[in-house]
Amino acid sequence: MSDPYRTPQADLPSGCLGIFLLVIGIILLIPGVCSVLFIIGTASGPRSFFRLNDPGLILLWVFCFAVAVGGAALVRHALRRLR
């Protein structure tokens, strides 16, 4: 027979893991923020048209935004886990 007053401990999420996921997600958001600031700075500088058409920079920005999207998803998952 099972005890009706006993709560299953396996169903409770770990608080440490949720906080760890949240911190890692925030760290992963940093490249996206830096990319946005760099794009704004590059677009406002002299001869900005030539720098914005560089395929290497565009590829780097896409990669940084992909990392930032992964960080945002991780933050969202961590916040849902902590609730």
PDB file of N, CA and C in Angstrom:
ATOM      1  N   MET A   1       0.829  -1.183   0.000  1.00  0.00           N
ATOM      2  CA  MET A   1       0.000   0.000   0.000  1.00  0.00           C
ATOM      3  C   MET A   1       0.875   1.248   0.000  1.00  0.00           C
ATOM      4  N   SER A   2       0.379   2.270  -0.650  1.00  0.00           N
ATOM      5  CA  SER A   2       1.135   3.511  -0.677  1.00  0.00           C
ATOM      6  C   SER A   2       0.599   4.468   0.379  1.00  0.00           C
ATOM      7  N   ASP A   3       1.462   5.305   0.853  1.00  0.00           N
ATOM      8  CA  ASP A   3       1.118   6.277   1.881  1.00  0.00           C
ATOM      9  C   ASP A   3       0.469   7.491   1.213  1.00  0.00           C
ATOM     10  N   PRO A   4      -0.773   7.849   1.571  1.00  0.00           N
ATOM     11  CA  PRO A   4      -1.441   8.969   0.902  1.00  0.00           C
ATOM     12  C   PRO A   4      -0.838  10.330   1.257  1.00  0.00           C
ATOM     13  N   TYR A   5      -0.075  10.420   2.339  1.00  0.00           N
ATOM     14  CA  TYR A   5       0.503  11.687   2.776  1.00  0.00           C
ATOM     15  C   TYR A   5       1.906  11.927   2.211  1.00  0.00           C
ATOM     16  N   ARG A   6       2.427  10.951   1.538  1.00  0.00           N
ATOM     17  CA  ARG A   6       3.785  11.065   0.996  1.00  0.00           C
ATOM     18  C   ARG A   6       3.717  11.727  -0.386  1.00  0.00           C
ATOM     19  N   THR A   7       4.537  12.763  -0.586  1.00  0.00           N
ATOM     20  CA  THR A   7       4.585  13.436  -1.887  1.00  0.00           C
ATOM     21  C   THR A   7       5.772  12.905  -2.679  1.00  0.00           C
ATOM     22  N   PRO A   8       5.586  12.656  -3.954  1.00  0.00           N
ATOM     23  CA  PRO A   8       6.709  12.154  -4.756  1.00  0.00           C
ATOM     24  C   PRO A   8       7.752  13.246  -4.969  1.00  0.00           C
ATOM     25  N   GLN A   9       8.996  12.980  -4.608  1.00  0.00           N
ATOM     26  CA  GLN A   9      10.079  13.943  -4.742  1.00  0.00           C
ATOM     27  C   GLN A   9      10.616  14.025  -6.171  1.00  0.00           C
ATOM     28  N   ALA A  10      10.394  13.011  -6.976  1.00  0.00           N
ATOM     29  CA  ALA A  10      10.927  13.004  -8.337  1.00  0.00           C
ATOM     30  C   ALA A  10      10.216  14.013  -9.233  1.00  0.00           C
ATOM     31  N   ASP A  11       8.991  14.424  -8.886  1.00  0.00           N
ATOM     32  CA  ASP A  11       8.244  15.355  -9.720  1.00  0.00           C
ATOM     33  C   ASP A  11       8.664  16.809  -9.514  1.00  0.00           C
ATOM     34  N   LEU A  12       9.376  17.106  -8.430  1.00  0.00           N
ATOM     35  CA  LEU A  12       9.766  18.481  -8.146  1.00  0.00           C
ATOM     36  C   LEU A  12      11.017  18.855  -8.939  1.00  0.00           C
ATOM     37  N   PRO A  13      11.001  19.997  -9.643  1.00  0.00           N
ATOM     38  CA  PRO A  13      12.192  20.396 -10.394  1.00  0.00           C
ATOM     39  C   PRO A  13      13.276  20.904  -9.452  1.00  0.00           C
ATOM     40  N   SER A  14      14.504  20.752  -9.878  1.00  0.00           N
ATOM     41  CA  SER A  14      15.634  21.210  -9.096  1.00  0.00           C
ATOM     42  C   SER A  14      15.818  22.709  -9.285  1.00  0.00           C
ATOM     43  N   GLY A  15      15.918  23.452  -8.193  1.00  0.00           N
ATOM     44  CA  GLY A  15      16.104  24.893  -8.273  1.00  0.00           C
ATOM     45  C   GLY A  15      17.475  25.269  -8.790  1.00  0.00           C
ATOM     46  N   CYS A  16      18.490  24.491  -8.414  1.00  0.00           N
ATOM     47  CA  CYS A  16      19.856  24.797  -8.867  1.00  0.00           C
ATOM     48  C   CYS A  16      19.997  24.654 -10.377  1.00  0.00           C
ATOM     49  N   LEU A  17      19.397  23.629 -10.935  1.00  0.00           N
ATOM     50  CA  LEU A  17      19.490  23.425 -12.378  1.00  0.00           C
ATOM     51  C   LEU A  17      18.782  24.546 -13.129  1.00  0.00           C
ATOM     52  N   GLY A  18      17.644  24.991 -12.632  1.00  0.00           N
ATOM     53  CA  GLY A  18      16.929  26.087 -13.270  1.00  0.00           C
ATOM     54  C   GLY A  18      17.723  27.385 -13.249  1.00  0.00           C
ATOM     55  N   ILE A  19      18.363  27.678 -12.123  1.00  0.00           N
ATOM     56  CA  ILE A  19      19.187  28.884 -12.017  1.00  0.00           C
ATOM     57  C   ILE A  19      20.393  28.774 -12.941  1.00  0.00           C
ATOM     58  N   PHE A  20      21.004  27.588 -13.001  1.00  0.00           N
ATOM     59  CA  PHE A  20      22.156  27.372 -13.877  1.00  0.00           C
ATOM     60  C   PHE A  20      21.770  27.582 -15.340  1.00  0.00           C
ATOM     61  N   LEU A  21      20.615  27.039 -15.755  1.00  0.00           N
ATOM     62  CA  LEU A  21      20.140  27.225 -17.126  1.00  0.00           C
ATOM     63  C   LEU A  21      19.863  28.696 -17.420  1.00  0.00           C
ATOM     64  N   LEU A  22      19.337  29.408 -16.442  1.00  0.00           N
ATOM     65  CA  LEU A  22      19.046  30.827 -16.607  1.00  0.00           C
ATOM     66  C   LEU A  22      20.333  31.626 -16.801  1.00  0.00           C
ATOM     67  N   VAL A  23      21.351  31.337 -16.018  1.00  0.00           N
ATOM     68  CA  VAL A  23      22.626  32.053 -16.139  1.00  0.00           C
ATOM     69  C   VAL A  23      23.277  31.761 -17.491  1.00  0.00           C
ATOM     70  N   ILE A  24      23.292  30.496 -17.908  1.00  0.00           N
ATOM     71  CA  ILE A  24      23.875  30.139 -19.202  1.00  0.00           C
ATOM     72  C   ILE A  24      23.098  30.811 -20.340  1.00  0.00           C
ATOM     73  N   GLY A  25      21.778  30.862 -20.237  1.00  0.00           N
ATOM     74  CA  GLY A  25      20.967  31.520 -21.263  1.00  0.00           C
ATOM     75  C   GLY A  25      21.261  33.005 -21.369  1.00  0.00           C
ATOM     76  N   ILE A  26      21.454  33.667 -20.226  1.00  0.00           N
ATOM     77  CA  ILE A  26      21.781  35.092 -20.242  1.00  0.00           C
ATOM     78  C   ILE A  26      23.154  35.314 -20.862  1.00  0.00           C
ATOM     79  N   ILE A  27      24.105  34.438 -20.570  1.00  0.00           N
ATOM     80  CA  ILE A  27      25.438  34.543 -21.175  1.00  0.00           C
ATOM     81  C   ILE A  27      25.344  34.366 -22.689  1.00  0.00           C
ATOM     82  N   LEU A  28      24.481  33.471 -23.148  1.00  0.00           N
ATOM     83  CA  LEU A  28      24.335  33.255 -24.586  1.00  0.00           C
ATOM     84  C   LEU A  28      23.621  34.410 -25.288  1.00  0.00           C
ATOM     85  N   LEU A  29      22.929  35.268 -24.547  1.00  0.00           N
ATOM     86  CA  LEU A  29      22.280  36.430 -25.145  1.00  0.00           C
ATOM     87  C   LEU A  29      23.272  37.550 -25.474  1.00  0.00           C
ATOM     88  N   ILE A  30      24.426  37.538 -24.838  1.00  0.00           N
ATOM     89  CA  ILE A  30      25.399  38.618 -24.995  1.00  0.00           C
ATOM     90  C   ILE A  30      25.875  38.789 -26.447  1.00  0.00           C
ATOM     91  N   PRO A  31      26.192  37.713 -27.205  1.00  0.00           N
ATOM     92  CA  PRO A  31      26.625  37.935 -28.592  1.00  0.00           C
ATOM     93  C   PRO A  31      25.581  38.634 -29.465  1.00  0.00           C
ATOM     94  N   GLY A  32      24.320  38.353 -29.240  1.00  0.00           N
ATOM     95  CA  GLY A  32      23.273  39.023 -30.016  1.00  0.00           C
ATOM     96  C   GLY A  32      23.184  40.499 -29.698  1.00  0.00           C
ATOM     97  N   VAL A  33      23.307  40.849 -28.429  1.00  0.00           N
ATOM     98  CA  VAL A  33      23.278  42.254 -28.036  1.00  0.00           C
ATOM     99  C   VAL A  33      24.490  42.988 -28.610  1.00  0.00           C
ATOM    100  N   CYS A  34      25.661  42.363 -28.530  1.00  0.00           N
ATOM    101  CA  CYS A  34      26.871  42.978 -29.090  1.00  0.00           C
ATOM    102  C   CYS A  34      26.755  43.139 -30.605  1.00  0.00           C
ATOM    103  N   SER A  35      26.148  42.184 -31.279  1.00  0.00           N
ATOM    104  CA  SER A  35      25.976  42.285 -32.733  1.00  0.00           C
ATOM    105  C   SER A  35      25.074  43.450 -33.101  1.00  0.00           C
ATOM    106  N   VAL A  36      23.995  43.617 -32.368  1.00  0.00           N
ATOM    107  CA  VAL A  36      23.088  44.733 -32.644  1.00  0.00           C
ATOM    108  C   VAL A  36      23.811  46.059 -32.443  1.00  0.00           C
ATOM    109  N   LEU A  37      24.567  46.185 -31.360  1.00  0.00           N
ATOM    110  CA  LEU A  37      25.310  47.418 -31.121  1.00  0.00           C
ATOM    111  C   LEU A  37      26.356  47.659 -32.205  1.00  0.00           C
ATOM    112  N   PHE A  38      27.004  46.606 -32.653  1.00  0.00           N
ATOM    113  CA  PHE A  38      28.014  46.741 -33.704  1.00  0.00           C
ATOM    114  C   PHE A  38      27.379  47.125 -35.037  1.00  0.00           C
ATOM    115  N   ILE A  39      26.211  46.563 -35.343  1.00  0.00           N
ATOM    116  CA  ILE A  39      25.511  46.916 -36.584  1.00  0.00           C
ATOM    117  C   ILE A  39      25.101  48.383 -36.555  1.00  0.00           C
ATOM    118  N   ILE A  40      24.602  48.844 -35.430  1.00  0.00           N
ATOM    119  CA  ILE A  40      24.210  50.252 -35.310  1.00  0.00           C
ATOM    120  C   ILE A  40      25.426  51.155 -35.465  1.00  0.00           C
ATOM    121  N   GLY A  41      26.542  50.774 -34.825  1.00  0.00           N
ATOM    122  CA  GLY A  41      27.757  51.572 -34.949  1.00  0.00           C
ATOM    123  C   GLY A  41      28.328  51.550 -36.349  1.00  0.00           C
ATOM    124  N   THR A  42      28.250  50.420 -37.021  1.00  0.00           N
ATOM    125  CA  THR A  42      28.771  50.310 -38.377  1.00  0.00           C
ATOM    126  C   THR A  42      27.890  51.069 -39.369  1.00  0.00           C
ATOM    127  N   ALA A  43      26.595  51.027 -39.178  1.00  0.00           N
ATOM    128  CA  ALA A  43      25.676  51.685 -40.108  1.00  0.00           C
ATOM    129  C   ALA A  43      25.760  53.201 -40.006  1.00  0.00           C
ATOM    130  N   SER A  44      26.176  53.721 -38.860  1.00  0.00           N
ATOM    131  CA  SER A  44      26.219  55.170 -38.700  1.00  0.00           C
ATOM    132  C   SER A  44      27.585  55.752 -39.046  1.00  0.00           C
ATOM    133  N   GLY A  45      28.574  54.908 -39.305  1.00  0.00           N
ATOM    134  CA  GLY A  45      29.919  55.390 -39.617  1.00  0.00           C
ATOM    135  C   GLY A  45      30.082  55.791 -41.070  1.00  0.00           C
ATOM    136  N   PRO A  46      31.247  56.379 -41.399  1.00  0.00           N
ATOM    137  CA  PRO A  46      31.502  56.744 -42.797  1.00  0.00           C
ATOM    138  C   PRO A  46      31.700  55.491 -43.648  1.00  0.00           C
ATOM    139  N   ARG A  47      31.281  55.572 -44.882  1.00  0.00           N
ATOM    140  CA  ARG A  47      31.363  54.446 -45.831  1.00  0.00           C
ATOM    141  C   ARG A  47      30.691  53.199 -45.267  1.00  0.00           C
ATOM    142  N   SER A  48      29.553  53.379 -44.642  1.00  0.00           N
ATOM    143  CA  SER A  48      28.866  52.258 -43.985  1.00  0.00           C
ATOM    144  C   SER A  48      28.309  51.257 -44.993  1.00  0.00           C
ATOM    145  N   PHE A  49      27.992  51.688 -46.206  1.00  0.00           N
ATOM    146  CA  PHE A  49      27.410  50.793 -47.193  1.00  0.00           C
ATOM    147  C   PHE A  49      28.364  49.653 -47.541  1.00  0.00           C
ATOM    148  N   PHE A  50      29.643  49.947 -47.623  1.00  0.00           N
ATOM    149  CA  PHE A  50      30.611  48.915 -48.004  1.00  0.00           C
ATOM    150  C   PHE A  50      30.828  47.905 -46.877  1.00  0.00           C
ATOM    151  N   ARG A  51      30.755  48.357 -45.646  1.00  0.00           N
ATOM    152  CA  ARG A  51      30.935  47.424 -44.532  1.00  0.00           C
ATOM    153  C   ARG A  51      29.719  46.524 -44.335  1.00  0.00           C
ATOM    154  N   LEU A  52      28.536  47.048 -44.598  1.00  0.00           N
ATOM    155  CA  LEU A  52      27.335  46.250 -44.402  1.00  0.00           C
ATOM    156  C   LEU A  52      27.143  45.207 -45.492  1.00  0.00           C
ATOM    157  N   ASN A  53      27.861  45.294 -46.596  1.00  0.00           N
ATOM    158  CA  ASN A  53      27.751  44.304 -47.663  1.00  0.00           C
ATOM    159  C   ASN A  53      28.826  43.233 -47.585  1.00  0.00           C
ATOM    160  N   ASP A  54      29.645  43.251 -46.559  1.00  0.00           N
ATOM    161  CA  ASP A  54      30.708  42.256 -46.410  1.00  0.00           C
ATOM    162  C   ASP A  54      30.093  40.912 -46.012  1.00  0.00           C
ATOM    163  N   PRO A  55      30.248  39.856 -46.851  1.00  0.00           N
ATOM    164  CA  PRO A  55      29.619  38.569 -46.533  1.00  0.00           C
ATOM    165  C   PRO A  55      30.166  37.927 -45.263  1.00  0.00           C
ATOM    166  N   GLY A  56      31.424  38.192 -44.940  1.00  0.00           N
ATOM    167  CA  GLY A  56      31.988  37.636 -43.706  1.00  0.00           C
ATOM    168  C   GLY A  56      31.324  38.203 -42.468  1.00  0.00           C
ATOM    169  N   LEU A  57      31.077  39.515 -42.478  1.00  0.00           N
ATOM    170  CA  LEU A  57      30.408  40.139 -41.342  1.00  0.00           C
ATOM    171  C   LEU A  57      28.957  39.688 -41.232  1.00  0.00           C
ATOM    172  N   ILE A  58      28.296  39.574 -42.357  1.00  0.00           N
ATOM    173  CA  ILE A  58      26.900  39.142 -42.329  1.00  0.00           C
ATOM    174  C   ILE A  58      26.796  37.716 -41.783  1.00  0.00           C
ATOM    175  N   LEU A  59      27.695  36.851 -42.190  1.00  0.00           N
ATOM    176  CA  LEU A  59      27.702  35.483 -41.671  1.00  0.00           C
ATOM    177  C   LEU A  59      27.972  35.456 -40.168  1.00  0.00           C
ATOM    178  N   LEU A  60      28.895  36.300 -39.714  1.00  0.00           N
ATOM    179  CA  LEU A  60      29.183  36.387 -38.285  1.00  0.00           C
ATOM    180  C   LEU A  60      27.976  36.886 -37.509  1.00  0.00           C
ATOM    181  N   TRP A  61      27.279  37.886 -38.059  1.00  0.00           N
ATOM    182  CA  TRP A  61      26.089  38.401 -37.392  1.00  0.00           C
ATOM    183  C   TRP A  61      24.983  37.352 -37.332  1.00  0.00           C
ATOM    184  N   VAL A  62      24.798  36.610 -38.397  1.00  0.00           N
ATOM    185  CA  VAL A  62      23.780  35.552 -38.405  1.00  0.00           C
ATOM    186  C   VAL A  62      24.112  34.498 -37.350  1.00  0.00           C
ATOM    187  N   PHE A  63      25.381  34.125 -37.262  1.00  0.00           N
ATOM    188  CA  PHE A  63      25.794  33.150 -36.248  1.00  0.00           C
ATOM    189  C   PHE A  63      25.550  33.691 -34.837  1.00  0.00           C
ATOM    190  N   CYS A  64      25.892  34.955 -34.603  1.00  0.00           N
ATOM    191  CA  CYS A  64      25.672  35.547 -33.273  1.00  0.00           C
ATOM    192  C   CYS A  64      24.194  35.628 -32.932  1.00  0.00           C
ATOM    193  N   PHE A  65      23.369  35.956 -33.919  1.00  0.00           N
ATOM    194  CA  PHE A  65      21.931  35.999 -33.665  1.00  0.00           C
ATOM    195  C   PHE A  65      21.373  34.599 -33.398  1.00  0.00           C
ATOM    196  N   ALA A  66      21.905  33.587 -34.066  1.00  0.00           N
ATOM    197  CA  ALA A  66      21.458  32.214 -33.808  1.00  0.00           C
ATOM    198  C   ALA A  66      21.809  31.787 -32.388  1.00  0.00           C
ATOM    199  N   VAL A  67      22.997  32.153 -31.925  1.00  0.00           N
ATOM    200  CA  VAL A  67      23.393  31.846 -30.546  1.00  0.00           C
ATOM    201  C   VAL A  67      22.479  32.581 -29.567  1.00  0.00           C
ATOM    202  N   ALA A  68      22.152  33.833 -29.873  1.00  0.00           N
ATOM    203  CA  ALA A  68      21.280  34.610 -28.998  1.00  0.00           C
ATOM    204  C   ALA A  68      19.862  34.036 -28.956  1.00  0.00           C
ATOM    205  N   VAL A  69      19.373  33.534 -30.081  1.00  0.00           N
ATOM    206  CA  VAL A  69      18.043  32.903 -30.096  1.00  0.00           C
ATOM    207  C   VAL A  69      18.060  31.636 -29.236  1.00  0.00           C
ATOM    208  N   GLY A  70      19.141  30.879 -29.318  1.00  0.00           N
ATOM    209  CA  GLY A  70      19.278  29.709 -28.451  1.00  0.00           C
ATOM    210  C   GLY A  70      19.319  30.104 -26.983  1.00  0.00           C
ATOM    211  N   GLY A  71      19.992  31.204 -26.678  1.00  0.00           N
ATOM    212  CA  GLY A  71      20.021  31.702 -25.303  1.00  0.00           C
ATOM    213  C   GLY A  71      18.654  32.137 -24.821  1.00  0.00           C
ATOM    214  N   ALA A  72      17.890  32.787 -25.693  1.00  0.00           N
ATOM    215  CA  ALA A  72      16.534  33.208 -25.324  1.00  0.00           C
ATOM    216  C   ALA A  72      15.638  31.994 -25.071  1.00  0.00           C
ATOM    217  N   ALA A  73      15.800  30.962 -25.899  1.00  0.00           N
ATOM    218  CA  ALA A  73      15.015  29.736 -25.689  1.00  0.00           C
ATOM    219  C   ALA A  73      15.405  29.068 -24.378  1.00  0.00           C
ATOM    220  N   LEU A  74      16.683  29.104 -24.046  1.00  0.00           N
ATOM    221  CA  LEU A  74      17.146  28.512 -22.791  1.00  0.00           C
ATOM    222  C   LEU A  74      16.631  29.290 -21.591  1.00  0.00           C
ATOM    223  N   VAL A  75      16.609  30.610 -21.686  1.00  0.00           N
ATOM    224  CA  VAL A  75      16.054  31.436 -20.604  1.00  0.00           C
ATOM    225  C   VAL A  75      14.570  31.143 -20.436  1.00  0.00           C
ATOM    226  N   ARG A  76      13.847  31.027 -21.536  1.00  0.00           N
ATOM    227  CA  ARG A  76      12.412  30.724 -21.475  1.00  0.00           C
ATOM    228  C   ARG A  76      12.169  29.359 -20.820  1.00  0.00           C
ATOM    229  N   HIS A  77      12.974  28.379 -21.206  1.00  0.00           N
ATOM    230  CA  HIS A  77      12.840  27.038 -20.623  1.00  0.00           C
ATOM    231  C   HIS A  77      13.164  27.070 -19.129  1.00  0.00           C
ATOM    232  N   ALA A  78      14.195  27.807 -18.750  1.00  0.00           N
ATOM    233  CA  ALA A  78      14.581  27.881 -17.341  1.00  0.00           C
ATOM    234  C   ALA A  78      13.495  28.565 -16.507  1.00  0.00           C
ATOM    235  N   LEU A  79      12.905  29.619 -17.046  1.00  0.00           N
ATOM    236  CA  LEU A  79      11.838  30.292 -16.295  1.00  0.00           C
ATOM    237  C   LEU A  79      10.611  29.419 -16.139  1.00  0.00           C
ATOM    238  N   ARG A  80      10.279  28.642 -17.158  1.00  0.00           N
ATOM    239  CA  ARG A  80       9.152  27.721 -17.032  1.00  0.00           C
ATOM    240  C   ARG A  80       9.471  26.605 -16.043  1.00  0.00           C
ATOM    241  N   ARG A  81      10.728  26.192 -16.006  1.00  0.00           N
ATOM    242  CA  ARG A  81      11.138  25.125 -15.094  1.00  0.00           C
ATOM    243  C   ARG A  81      11.087  25.597 -13.635  1.00  0.00           C
ATOM    244  N   LEU A  82      11.401  26.877 -13.414  1.00  0.00           N
ATOM    245  CA  LEU A  82      11.424  27.407 -12.048  1.00  0.00           C
ATOM    246  C   LEU A  82      10.035  27.670 -11.499  1.00  0.00           C
ATOM    247  N   ARG A  83       9.037  27.773 -12.355  1.00  0.00           N
ATOM    248  CA  ARG A  83       7.657  28.032 -11.863  1.00  0.00           C
ATOM    249  C   ARG A  83       7.029  26.833 -11.280  1.00  0.00           C
TER     250      ARG A  83
END
